[in-house]
C-alpha atoms as a PDB file:
ATOM      1  CA  MET A   1     200.948 118.774 -17.584  1.00  0.00           C
ATOM      2  CA  THR A   2     200.080 122.124 -16.200  1.00  0.00           C
ATOM      3  CA  GLU A   3     198.633 122.778 -12.762  1.00  0.00           C
ATOM      4  CA  GLU A   4     195.394 123.979 -14.322  1.00  0.00           C
ATOM      5  CA  THR A   5     195.049 120.758 -16.268  1.00  0.00           C
ATOM      6  CA  ASN A   6     195.527 118.690 -13.101  1.00  0.00           C
ATOM      7  CA  GLU A   7     192.873 120.683 -11.363  1.00  0.00           C
ATOM      8  CA  ASN A   8     190.492 120.077 -14.256  1.00  0.00           C
ATOM      9  CA  ILE A   9     191.181 116.358 -14.200  1.00  0.00           C
ATOM     10  CA  GLU A  10     190.762 116.184 -10.449  1.00  0.00           C
ATOM     11  CA  GLY A  11     187.498 118.131 -10.749  1.00  0.00           C
ATOM     12  CA  ALA A  12     186.213 115.799 -13.437  1.00  0.00           C
ATOM     13  CA  VAL A  13     187.095 112.759 -11.332  1.00  0.00           C
ATOM     14  CA  PHE A  14     185.333 114.301  -8.334  1.00  0.00           C
ATOM     15  CA  VAL A  15     182.229 115.038 -10.395  1.00  0.00           C
ATOM     16  CA  GLY A  16     182.344 111.534 -11.843  1.00  0.00           C
ATOM     17  CA  ASN A  17     182.632 109.999  -8.387  1.00  0.00           C
ATOM     18  CA  ALA A  18     179.753 112.146  -7.124  1.00  0.00           C
ATOM     19  CA  GLU A  19     177.580 111.096 -10.021  1.00  0.00           C
ATOM     20  CA  ASP A  20     178.455 107.449  -9.410  1.00  0.00           C
ATOM     21  CA  SER A  21     177.645 107.894  -5.739  1.00  0.00           C
ATOM     22  CA  GLU A  22     174.279 109.456  -6.594  1.00  0.00           C
ATOM     23  CA  ILE A  23     173.508 106.574  -8.966  1.00  0.00           C
ATOM     24  CA  GLN A  24     174.471 104.061  -6.292  1.00  0.00           C
ATOM     25  CA  ASP A  25     172.326 105.869  -3.727  1.00  0.00           C
ATOM     26  CA  SER A  26     169.428 105.940  -6.165  1.00  0.00           C
ATOM     27  CA  GLU A  27     169.815 102.235  -6.919  1.00  0.00           C
ATOM     28  CA  LEU A  28     169.996 101.510  -3.188  1.00  0.00           C
ATOM     29  CA  VAL A  29     166.807 103.469  -2.539  1.00  0.00           C
ATOM     30  CA  GLU A  30     165.052 101.683  -5.396  1.00  0.00           C
ATOM     31  CA  SER A  31     166.278  98.324  -4.077  1.00  0.00           C
ATOM     32  CA  GLU A  32     165.059  99.133  -0.569  1.00  0.00           C
ATOM     33  CA  GLN A  33     161.674 100.241  -1.950  1.00  0.00           C
ATOM     34  CA  GLU A  34     161.388  97.043  -3.950  1.00  0.00           C
ATOM     35  CA  GLU A  35     162.239  94.970  -0.868  1.00  0.00           C
ATOM     36  CA  GLN A  36     159.724  96.912   1.197  1.00  0.00           C
ATOM     37  CA  GLU A  37     157.003  96.497  -1.433  1.00  0.00           C
ATOM     38  CA  GLU A  38     157.817  92.810  -1.744  1.00  0.00           C
ATOM     39  CA  GLN A  39     157.693  92.411   2.041  1.00  0.00           C
ATOM     40  CA  GLU A  40     154.364  94.279   2.267  1.00  0.00           C
ATOM     41  CA  GLU A  41     152.979  92.161  -0.547  1.00  0.00           C
ATOM     42  CA  GLN A  42     154.150  89.010   1.207  1.00  0.00           C
ATOM     43  CA  GLU A  43     152.652  90.130   4.528  1.00  0.00           C
ATOM     44  CA  GLU A  44     149.380  91.001   2.793  1.00  0.00           C
ATOM     45  CA  GLN A  45     149.312  87.573   1.139  1.00  0.00           C
ATOM     46  CA  GLU A  46     150.068  85.834   4.447  1.00  0.00           C
ATOM     47  CA  GLU A  47     147.321  87.861   6.146  1.00  0.00           C
ATOM     48  CA  GLN A  48     144.863  86.925   3.405  1.00  0.00           C
ATOM     49  CA  GLU A  49     145.824  83.242   3.639  1.00  0.00           C
ATOM     50  CA  GLU A  50     145.461  83.383   7.422  1.00  0.00           C
ATOM     51  CA  GLN A  51     142.013  84.995   7.078  1.00  0.00           C
ATOM     52  CA  GLU A  52     140.923  82.389   4.534  1.00  0.00           C
ATOM     53  CA  GLU A  53     142.194  79.625   6.803  1.00  0.00           C
ATOM     54  CA  GLN A  54     140.296  81.118   9.760  1.00  0.00           C
ATOM     55  CA  GLU A  55     137.096  81.420   7.697  1.00  0.00           C
ATOM     56  CA  GLU A  56     137.499  77.831   6.524  1.00  0.00           C
ATOM     57  CA  GLN A  57     138.020  76.680  10.119  1.00  0.00           C
ATOM     58  CA  GLU A  58     134.934  78.605  11.316  1.00  0.00           C
ATOM     59  CA  GLU A  59     132.894  77.133   8.467  1.00  0.00           C
ATOM     60  CA  GLN A  60     134.109  73.644   9.367  1.00  0.00           C
ATOM     61  CA  GLU A  61     133.277  74.189  13.055  1.00  0.00           C
ATOM     62  CA  GLU A  62     129.797  75.445  12.088  1.00  0.00           C
ATOM     63  CA  GLN A  63     129.304  72.373   9.891  1.00  0.00           C
ATOM     64  CA  GLU A  64     130.460  70.065  12.705  1.00  0.00           C
ATOM     65  CA  GLU A  65     128.087  71.821  15.112  1.00  0.00           C
ATOM     66  CA  GLN A  66     125.200  71.336  12.689  1.00  0.00           C
ATOM     67  CA  GLU A  67     125.994  67.653  12.300  1.00  0.00           C
ATOM     68  CA  LYS A  68     126.566  67.149  16.013  1.00  0.00           C
ATOM     69  CA  VAL A  69     123.729  65.537  17.969  1.00  0.00           C
ATOM     70  CA  GLN A  70     122.367  68.207  20.295  1.00  0.00           C
ATOM     71  CA  ARG A  71     120.263  66.688  23.017  1.00  0.00           C
ATOM     72  CA  TYR A  72     118.505  68.936  25.462  1.00  0.00           C
ATOM     73  CA  THR A  73     120.157  67.092  28.350  1.00  0.00           C
ATOM     74  CA  ASP A  74     123.574  68.223  27.033  1.00  0.00           C
ATOM     75  CA  TYR A  75     122.867  71.823  28.031  1.00  0.00           C
ATOM     76  CA  GLN A  76     120.102  71.431  30.615  1.00  0.00           C
ATOM     77  CA  GLU A  77     122.172  73.177  33.298  1.00  0.00           C
ATOM     78  CA  GLN A  78     122.573  76.214  31.018  1.00  0.00           C
ATOM     79  CA  ALA A  79     118.796  76.391  30.659  1.00  0.00           C
ATOM     80  CA  GLU A  80     118.539  76.922  34.427  1.00  0.00           C
ATOM     81  CA  LEU A  81     120.153  80.349  34.043  1.00  0.00           C
ATOM     82  CA  PRO A  82     118.140  83.530  33.449  1.00  0.00           C
ATOM     83  CA  GLN A  83     117.302  83.765  29.746  1.00  0.00           C
ATOM     84  CA  HIS A  84     119.661  86.678  29.014  1.00  0.00           C
ATOM     85  CA  LYS A  85     122.586  84.628  30.362  1.00  0.00           C
ATOM     86  CA  ARG A  86     121.873  81.463  28.384  1.00  0.00           C
ATOM     87  CA  SER A  87     124.045  80.386  25.471  1.00  0.00           C
ATOM     88  CA  ASP A  88     122.846  80.215  21.882  1.00  0.00           C
ATOM     89  CA  ILE A  89     122.308  76.843  20.212  1.00  0.00           C
ATOM     90  CA  PHE A  90     122.047  75.873  16.570  1.00  0.00           C
ATOM     91  CA  ASN A  91     118.512  75.100  15.418  1.00  0.00           C
ATOM     92  CA  PRO A  92     118.706  72.693  12.439  1.00  0.00           C
ATOM     93  CA  LYS A  93     115.159  73.466  11.320  1.00  0.00           C
ATOM     94  CA  LEU A  94     115.690  77.230  11.214  1.00  0.00           C
ATOM     95  CA  LYS A  95     119.348  76.777  10.184  1.00  0.00           C
ATOM     96  CA  ARG A  96     120.492  79.491  12.569  1.00  0.00           C
ATOM     97  CA  ARG A  97     121.487  79.986  16.195  1.00  0.00           C
ATOM     98  CA  ILE A  98     118.745  80.749  18.714  1.00  0.00           C
ATOM     99  CA  LYS A  99     118.527  81.452  22.433  1.00  0.00           C
ATOM    100  CA  MET A 100     117.991  78.183  24.281  1.00  0.00           C
ATOM    101  CA  ARG A 101     114.718  77.579  26.148  1.00  0.00           C
ATOM    102  CA  ARG A 102     113.948  75.619  29.279  1.00  0.00           C
ATOM    103  CA  PHE A 103     111.958  72.414  28.731  1.00  0.00           C
ATOM    104  CA  HIS A 104     112.522  70.702  32.070  1.00  0.00           C
ATOM    105  CA  THR A 105     110.859  71.138  35.459  1.00  0.00           C
ATOM    106  CA  LYS A 106     112.822  73.057  38.077  1.00  0.00           C
ATOM    107  CA  THR A 107     113.934  71.100  41.133  1.00  0.00           C
ATOM    108  CA  LYS A 108     111.582  72.767  43.627  1.00  0.00           C
ATOM    109  CA  LYS A 109     108.560  72.281  41.364  1.00  0.00           C
ATOM    110  CA  SER A 110     109.565  68.679  40.716  1.00  0.00           C
ATOM    111  CA  GLN A 111     109.645  67.996  44.456  1.00  0.00           C
ATOM    112  CA  GLU A 112     106.170  69.501  44.827  1.00  0.00           C
ATOM    113  CA  LEU A 113     104.891  67.215  42.034  1.00  0.00           C
ATOM    114  CA  ASP A 114     106.453  64.196  43.749  1.00  0.00           C
ATOM    115  CA  GLU A 115     104.663  65.093  46.978  1.00  0.00           C
ATOM    116  CA  LYS A 116     101.373  65.513  45.110  1.00  0.00           C
ATOM    117  CA  THR A 117     101.728  62.101  43.463  1.00  0.00           C
ATOM    118  CA  GLU A 118     102.545  60.488  46.795  1.00  0.00           C
ATOM    119  CA  LYS A 119      99.530  62.127  48.400  1.00  0.00           C
ATOM    120  CA  THR A 120      96.967  61.433  45.663  1.00  0.00           C
ATOM    121  CA  GLY A 121      98.377  58.263  44.137  1.00  0.00           C
ATOM    122  CA  LYS A 122      97.917  59.836  40.686  1.00  0.00           C
ATOM    123  CA  PHE A 123     100.280  61.246  38.123  1.00  0.00           C
ATOM    124  CA  ALA A 124     101.012  64.944  38.761  1.00  0.00           C
ATOM    125  CA  VAL A 125     100.932  66.960  35.532  1.00  0.00           C
ATOM    126  CA  PRO A 126     104.047  69.183  35.272  1.00  0.00           C
ATOM    127  CA  TYR A 127     102.609  71.888  32.990  1.00  0.00           C
ATOM    128  CA  ARG A 128     101.082  75.299  33.744  1.00  0.00           C
ATOM    129  CA  ARG A 129      97.547  74.776  35.097  1.00  0.00           C
ATOM    130  CA  SER A 130      95.908  77.368  32.844  1.00  0.00           C
ATOM    131  CA  GLY A 131      97.489  75.946  29.684  1.00  0.00           C
ATOM    132  CA  ALA A 132      96.188  73.451  27.127  1.00  0.00           C
ATOM    133  CA  TYR A 133      99.033  70.969  27.776  1.00  0.00           C
ATOM    134  CA  TYR A 134      97.895  70.693  31.382  1.00  0.00           C
ATOM    135  CA  GLY A 135      94.236  70.358  30.405  1.00  0.00           C
ATOM    136  CA  PHE A 136      94.997  67.571  27.933  1.00  0.00           C
ATOM    137  CA  CYS A 137      97.263  65.603  30.285  1.00  0.00           C
ATOM    138  CA  GLN A 138      94.991  66.085  33.301  1.00  0.00           C
ATOM    139  CA  ALA A 139      92.046  64.788  31.248  1.00  0.00           C
ATOM    140  CA  LEU A 140      93.997  61.584  30.587  1.00  0.00           C
ATOM    141  CA  VAL A 141      94.908  61.310  34.273  1.00  0.00           C
ATOM    142  CA  GLU A 142      91.261  61.580  35.330  1.00  0.00           C
ATOM    143  CA  LEU A 143      90.127  59.168  32.609  1.00  0.00           C
ATOM    144  CA  GLY A 144      92.743  56.678  33.701  1.00  0.00           C
ATOM    145  CA  GLU A 145      96.504  56.356  33.208  1.00  0.00           C
ATOM    146  CA  ASN A 146      97.877  53.624  30.919  1.00  0.00           C
ATOM    147  CA  SER A 147      94.483  53.146  29.242  1.00  0.00           C
ATOM    148  CA  TRP A 148      93.360  54.176  25.777  1.00  0.00           C
ATOM    149  CA  HIS A 149      90.688  56.871  25.467  1.00  0.00           C
ATOM    150  CA  GLU A 150      89.009  57.967  22.245  1.00  0.00           C
ATOM    151  CA  PHE A 151      89.293  61.512  20.982  1.00  0.00           C
ATOM    152  CA  ALA A 152      85.707  62.585  21.754  1.00  0.00           C
ATOM    153  CA  THR A 153      85.977  61.345  25.346  1.00  0.00           C
ATOM    154  CA  VAL A 154      89.285  63.102  25.903  1.00  0.00           C
ATOM    155  CA  LYS A 155      88.006  66.346  24.397  1.00  0.00           C
ATOM    156  CA  GLN A 156      84.932  66.318  26.645  1.00  0.00           C
ATOM    157  CA  LYS A 157      87.008  65.675  29.771  1.00  0.00           C
ATOM    158  CA  MET A 158      89.569  68.298  28.711  1.00  0.00           C
ATOM    159  CA  GLN A 159      86.819  70.889  28.359  1.00  0.00           C
ATOM    160  CA  GLU A 160      85.526  69.948  31.804  1.00  0.00           C
ATOM    161  CA  VAL A 161      88.977  70.262  33.382  1.00  0.00           C
ATOM    162  CA  MET A 162      89.864  73.575  31.735  1.00  0.00           C
ATOM    163  CA  SER A 163      86.444  75.156  32.319  1.00  0.00           C
ATOM    164  CA  ASN A 164      87.185  74.964  36.048  1.00  0.00           C
ATOM    165  CA  VAL A 165      90.404  76.964  35.691  1.00  0.00           C
ATOM    166  CA  PRO A 166      89.805  80.746  35.815  1.00  0.00           C
ATOM    167  CA  THR A 167      91.988  83.117  33.807  1.00  0.00           C
ATOM    168  CA  THR A 168      92.979  86.745  34.186  1.00  0.00           C
ATOM    169  CA  LYS A 169      92.181  87.476  30.549  1.00  0.00           C
ATOM    170  CA  LYS A 170      88.847  88.529  29.037  1.00  0.00           C
ATOM    171  CA  GLU A 171      87.823  84.864  28.742  1.00  0.00           C
ATOM    172  CA  SER A 172      86.254  83.541  31.946  1.00  0.00           C
ATOM    173  CA  ASN A 173      88.133  80.223  31.937  1.00  0.00           C
ATOM    174  CA  ALA A 174      91.067  78.362  30.360  1.00  0.00           C
ATOM    175  CA  TRP A 175      88.866  76.386  27.940  1.00  0.00           C
ATOM    176  CA  GLN A 176      87.371  79.531  26.432  1.00  0.00           C
ATOM    177  CA  ALA A 177      90.859  80.985  26.043  1.00  0.00           C
ATOM    178  CA  PHE A 178      92.048  77.804  24.315  1.00  0.00           C
ATOM    179  CA  GLU A 179      88.944  77.632  22.147  1.00  0.00           C
ATOM    180  CA  GLY A 180      89.342  81.221  20.977  1.00  0.00           C
ATOM    181  CA  ARG A 181      93.060  81.044  20.268  1.00  0.00           C
ATOM    182  CA  GLN A 182      93.981  80.936  16.583  1.00  0.00           C
ATOM    183  CA  GLY A 183      96.133  77.972  15.544  1.00  0.00           C
ATOM    184  CA  ASP A 184      99.350  78.495  13.587  1.00  0.00           C
ATOM    185  CA  LYS A 185      98.876  75.691  11.074  1.00  0.00           C
ATOM    186  CA  GLU A 186      96.010  74.827   8.748  1.00  0.00           C
ATOM    187  CA  SER A 187      95.614  71.518  10.582  1.00  0.00           C
ATOM    188  CA  SER A 188      95.097  73.299  13.915  1.00  0.00           C
ATOM    189  CA  LYS A 189      92.647  76.057  12.986  1.00  0.00           C
ATOM    190  CA  ASP A 190      89.768  74.529  14.974  1.00  0.00           C
ATOM    191  CA  VAL A 191      89.650  73.126  18.521  1.00  0.00           C
ATOM    192  CA  ASP A 192      89.931  69.500  17.395  1.00  0.00           C
ATOM    193  CA  GLY A 193      92.977  70.287  15.273  1.00  0.00           C
ATOM    194  CA  LYS A 194      94.651  72.128  18.137  1.00  0.00           C
ATOM    195  CA  ILE A 195      94.104  69.182  20.489  1.00  0.00           C
ATOM    196  CA  ILE A 196      95.710  66.763  18.031  1.00  0.00           C
ATOM    197  CA  ASN A 197      98.559  69.161  17.297  1.00  0.00           C
ATOM    198  CA  ASN A 198      99.269  69.656  21.020  1.00  0.00           C
ATOM    199  CA  ALA A 199      99.257  65.897  21.594  1.00  0.00           C
ATOM    200  CA  ARG A 200     101.821  65.410  18.846  1.00  0.00           C
ATOM    201  CA  VAL A 201     103.983  68.253  20.176  1.00  0.00           C
ATOM    202  CA  LEU A 202     103.987  66.577  23.597  1.00  0.00           C
ATOM    203  CA  GLN A 203     105.442  63.474  21.934  1.00  0.00           C
ATOM    204  CA  ARG A 204     108.698  65.345  21.385  1.00  0.00           C
ATOM    205  CA  VAL A 205     110.983  63.835  23.998  1.00  0.00           C
ATOM    206  CA  VAL A 206     114.739  63.338  24.281  1.00  0.00           C
ATOM    207  CA  ASP A 207     115.696  60.297  22.216  1.00  0.00           C
ATOM    208  CA  PHE A 208     119.004  59.085  23.620  1.00  0.00           C
ATOM    209  CA  ASN A 209     119.528  56.771  20.635  1.00  0.00           C
ATOM    210  CA  SER A 210     118.820  59.370  17.957  1.00  0.00           C
ATOM    211  CA  THR A 211     121.452  60.676  15.545  1.00  0.00           C
ATOM    212  CA  LYS A 212     119.367  63.784  14.825  1.00  0.00           C
ATOM    213  CA  ASN A 213     119.401  67.125  16.598  1.00  0.00           C
ATOM    214  CA  ASN A 214     116.919  67.135  19.440  1.00  0.00           C
ATOM    215  CA  ASN A 215     116.763  70.434  21.311  1.00  0.00           C
ATOM    216  CA  THR A 216     113.030  71.286  21.506  1.00  0.00           C
ATOM    217  CA  PRO A 217     111.569  68.432  23.586  1.00  0.00           C
ATOM    218  CA  TYR A 218     108.216  69.860  24.690  1.00  0.00           C
ATOM    219  CA  GLY A 219     107.353  66.489  26.218  1.00  0.00           C
ATOM    220  CA  TYR A 220     110.505  66.291  28.333  1.00  0.00           C
ATOM    221  CA  LYS A 221     108.632  67.393  31.456  1.00  0.00           C
ATOM    222  CA  LEU A 222     106.547  64.232  31.083  1.00  0.00           C
ATOM    223  CA  GLN A 223     109.628  62.179  30.271  1.00  0.00           C
ATOM    224  CA  GLU A 224     111.354  63.372  33.454  1.00  0.00           C
ATOM    225  CA  ARG A 225     108.417  61.867  35.347  1.00  0.00           C
ATOM    226  CA  LEU A 226     108.750  58.597  33.380  1.00  0.00           C
ATOM    227  CA  ALA A 227     105.684  59.249  31.237  1.00  0.00           C
ATOM    228  CA  CYS A 228     104.709  60.147  27.680  1.00  0.00           C
ATOM    229  CA  ILE A 229     101.703  60.599  25.381  1.00  0.00           C
ATOM    230  CA  ASP A 230     100.826  57.681  23.088  1.00  0.00           C
ATOM    231  CA  ILE A 231      98.616  58.182  20.035  1.00  0.00           C
ATOM    232  CA  LYS A 232      96.984  55.633  17.753  1.00  0.00           C
ATOM    233  CA  SER A 233      94.119  55.363  15.279  1.00  0.00           C
ATOM    234  CA  ASP A 234      92.137  52.203  14.459  1.00  0.00           C
ATOM    235  CA  ASP A 235      91.073  50.796  11.093  1.00  0.00           C
ATOM    236  CA  ASP A 236      88.162  53.241  11.005  1.00  0.00           C
ATOM    237  CA  GLY A 237      90.526  56.147  11.654  1.00  0.00           C
ATOM    238  CA  VAL A 238      89.268  56.842  15.178  1.00  0.00           C
ATOM    239  CA  ILE A 239      92.032  58.528  17.194  1.00  0.00           C
ATOM    240  CA  SER A 240      92.824  57.478  20.766  1.00  0.00           C
ATOM    241  CA  PHE A 241      95.237  58.825  23.366  1.00  0.00           C
ATOM    242  CA  ARG A 242      97.003  57.294  26.343  1.00  0.00           C
ATOM    243  CA  LEU A 243      99.103  58.698  29.177  1.00  0.00           C
ATOM    244  CA  ASN A 244     101.769  56.010  29.441  1.00  0.00           C
ATOM    245  CA  THR A 245     103.407  55.914  32.893  1.00  0.00           C
ATOM    246  CA  SER A 246     104.818  52.392  32.700  1.00  0.00           C
ATOM    247  CA  PHE A 247     108.494  53.318  32.241  1.00  0.00           C
ATOM    248  CA  THR A 248     111.244  52.825  34.828  1.00  0.00           C
ATOM    249  CA  THR A 249     114.009  55.057  33.375  1.00  0.00           C
ATOM    250  CA  VAL A 250     114.092  58.331  31.475  1.00  0.00           C
ATOM    251  CA  GLU A 251     116.107  56.756  28.654  1.00  0.00           C
ATOM    252  CA  GLU A 252     113.452  54.154  27.816  1.00  0.00           C
ATOM    253  CA  VAL A 253     110.588  56.649  27.472  1.00  0.00           C
ATOM    254  CA  LYS A 254     109.459  56.508  23.841  1.00  0.00           C
ATOM    255  CA  PRO A 255     105.984  57.643  22.680  1.00  0.00           C
ATOM    256  CA  LEU A 256     103.871  55.508  20.370  1.00  0.00           C
ATOM    257  CA  LYS A 257     103.284  57.575  17.228  1.00  0.00           C
ATOM    258  CA  GLY A 258     100.505  55.587  15.609  1.00  0.00           C
ATOM    259  CA  LEU A 259      98.426  58.413  14.199  1.00  0.00           C
ATOM    260  CA  ASN A 260      97.244  58.082  10.610  1.00  0.00           C
ATOM    261  CA  VAL A 261      97.510  61.319   8.652  1.00  0.00           C
ATOM    262  CA  ARG A 262      93.763  61.352   8.003  1.00  0.00           C
ATOM    263  CA  GLY A 263      92.617  59.924  11.312  1.00  0.00           C
ATOM    264  CA  SER A 264      89.059  60.606  12.450  1.00  0.00           C
ATOM    265  CA  ARG A 265      88.455  62.730  15.523  1.00  0.00           C
ATOM    266  CA  THR A 266      85.219  61.020  16.529  1.00  0.00           C
END
């Protein structure tokens, strides 16, 4: 075999080895790309599963929060904070989170009410003096605690009480302001309807035995002072109210809700 032939053979072997090397390199690159794509796909799948798991957990927590009994007393301390610092709570009626409101009497004001009761021997109404809640409750105080009073009598006394409270608005007194205010519901468009509606709103207290959400107790200020509003109507449909102050503990305060749907206001 000639020298030239050997060189040709060696050259062919070299070229063949180079081509094999290039094929191997190409296969290696393809293998690495496949591994990388597989790894990225796996990571993407894991991320998606993790996100779905997190969403499922958040949904479960939201469901548990909705089903959880939320009593006002559970977050009463939070309600002492300025409004912009208060936490949000879930409102089952609105089915969304809302900024919590304060429904209890602050400590200093409560002490002042205690002193007033001790001085006068009468129940001290914990609501704003120019408001309709105060006028209604004060009317029942002046008519007599723990006694039933018919609607017409209560309305007359309420007007008397509120007419003596001046306001800073265009109306000259609190009764005129209440009388001229438009009610939200069809049942509270006139003065009589608003009185009944307010009385029923004041029956919302904290029920410590309830399994339902209870976070808007407008009557809790009365409940704190071991009192509540009772409502009843007789066989003729005549509505009567009572300021019940016979309780000894906050937990046992429970309003009598004996109002017929079509009770008479006279």
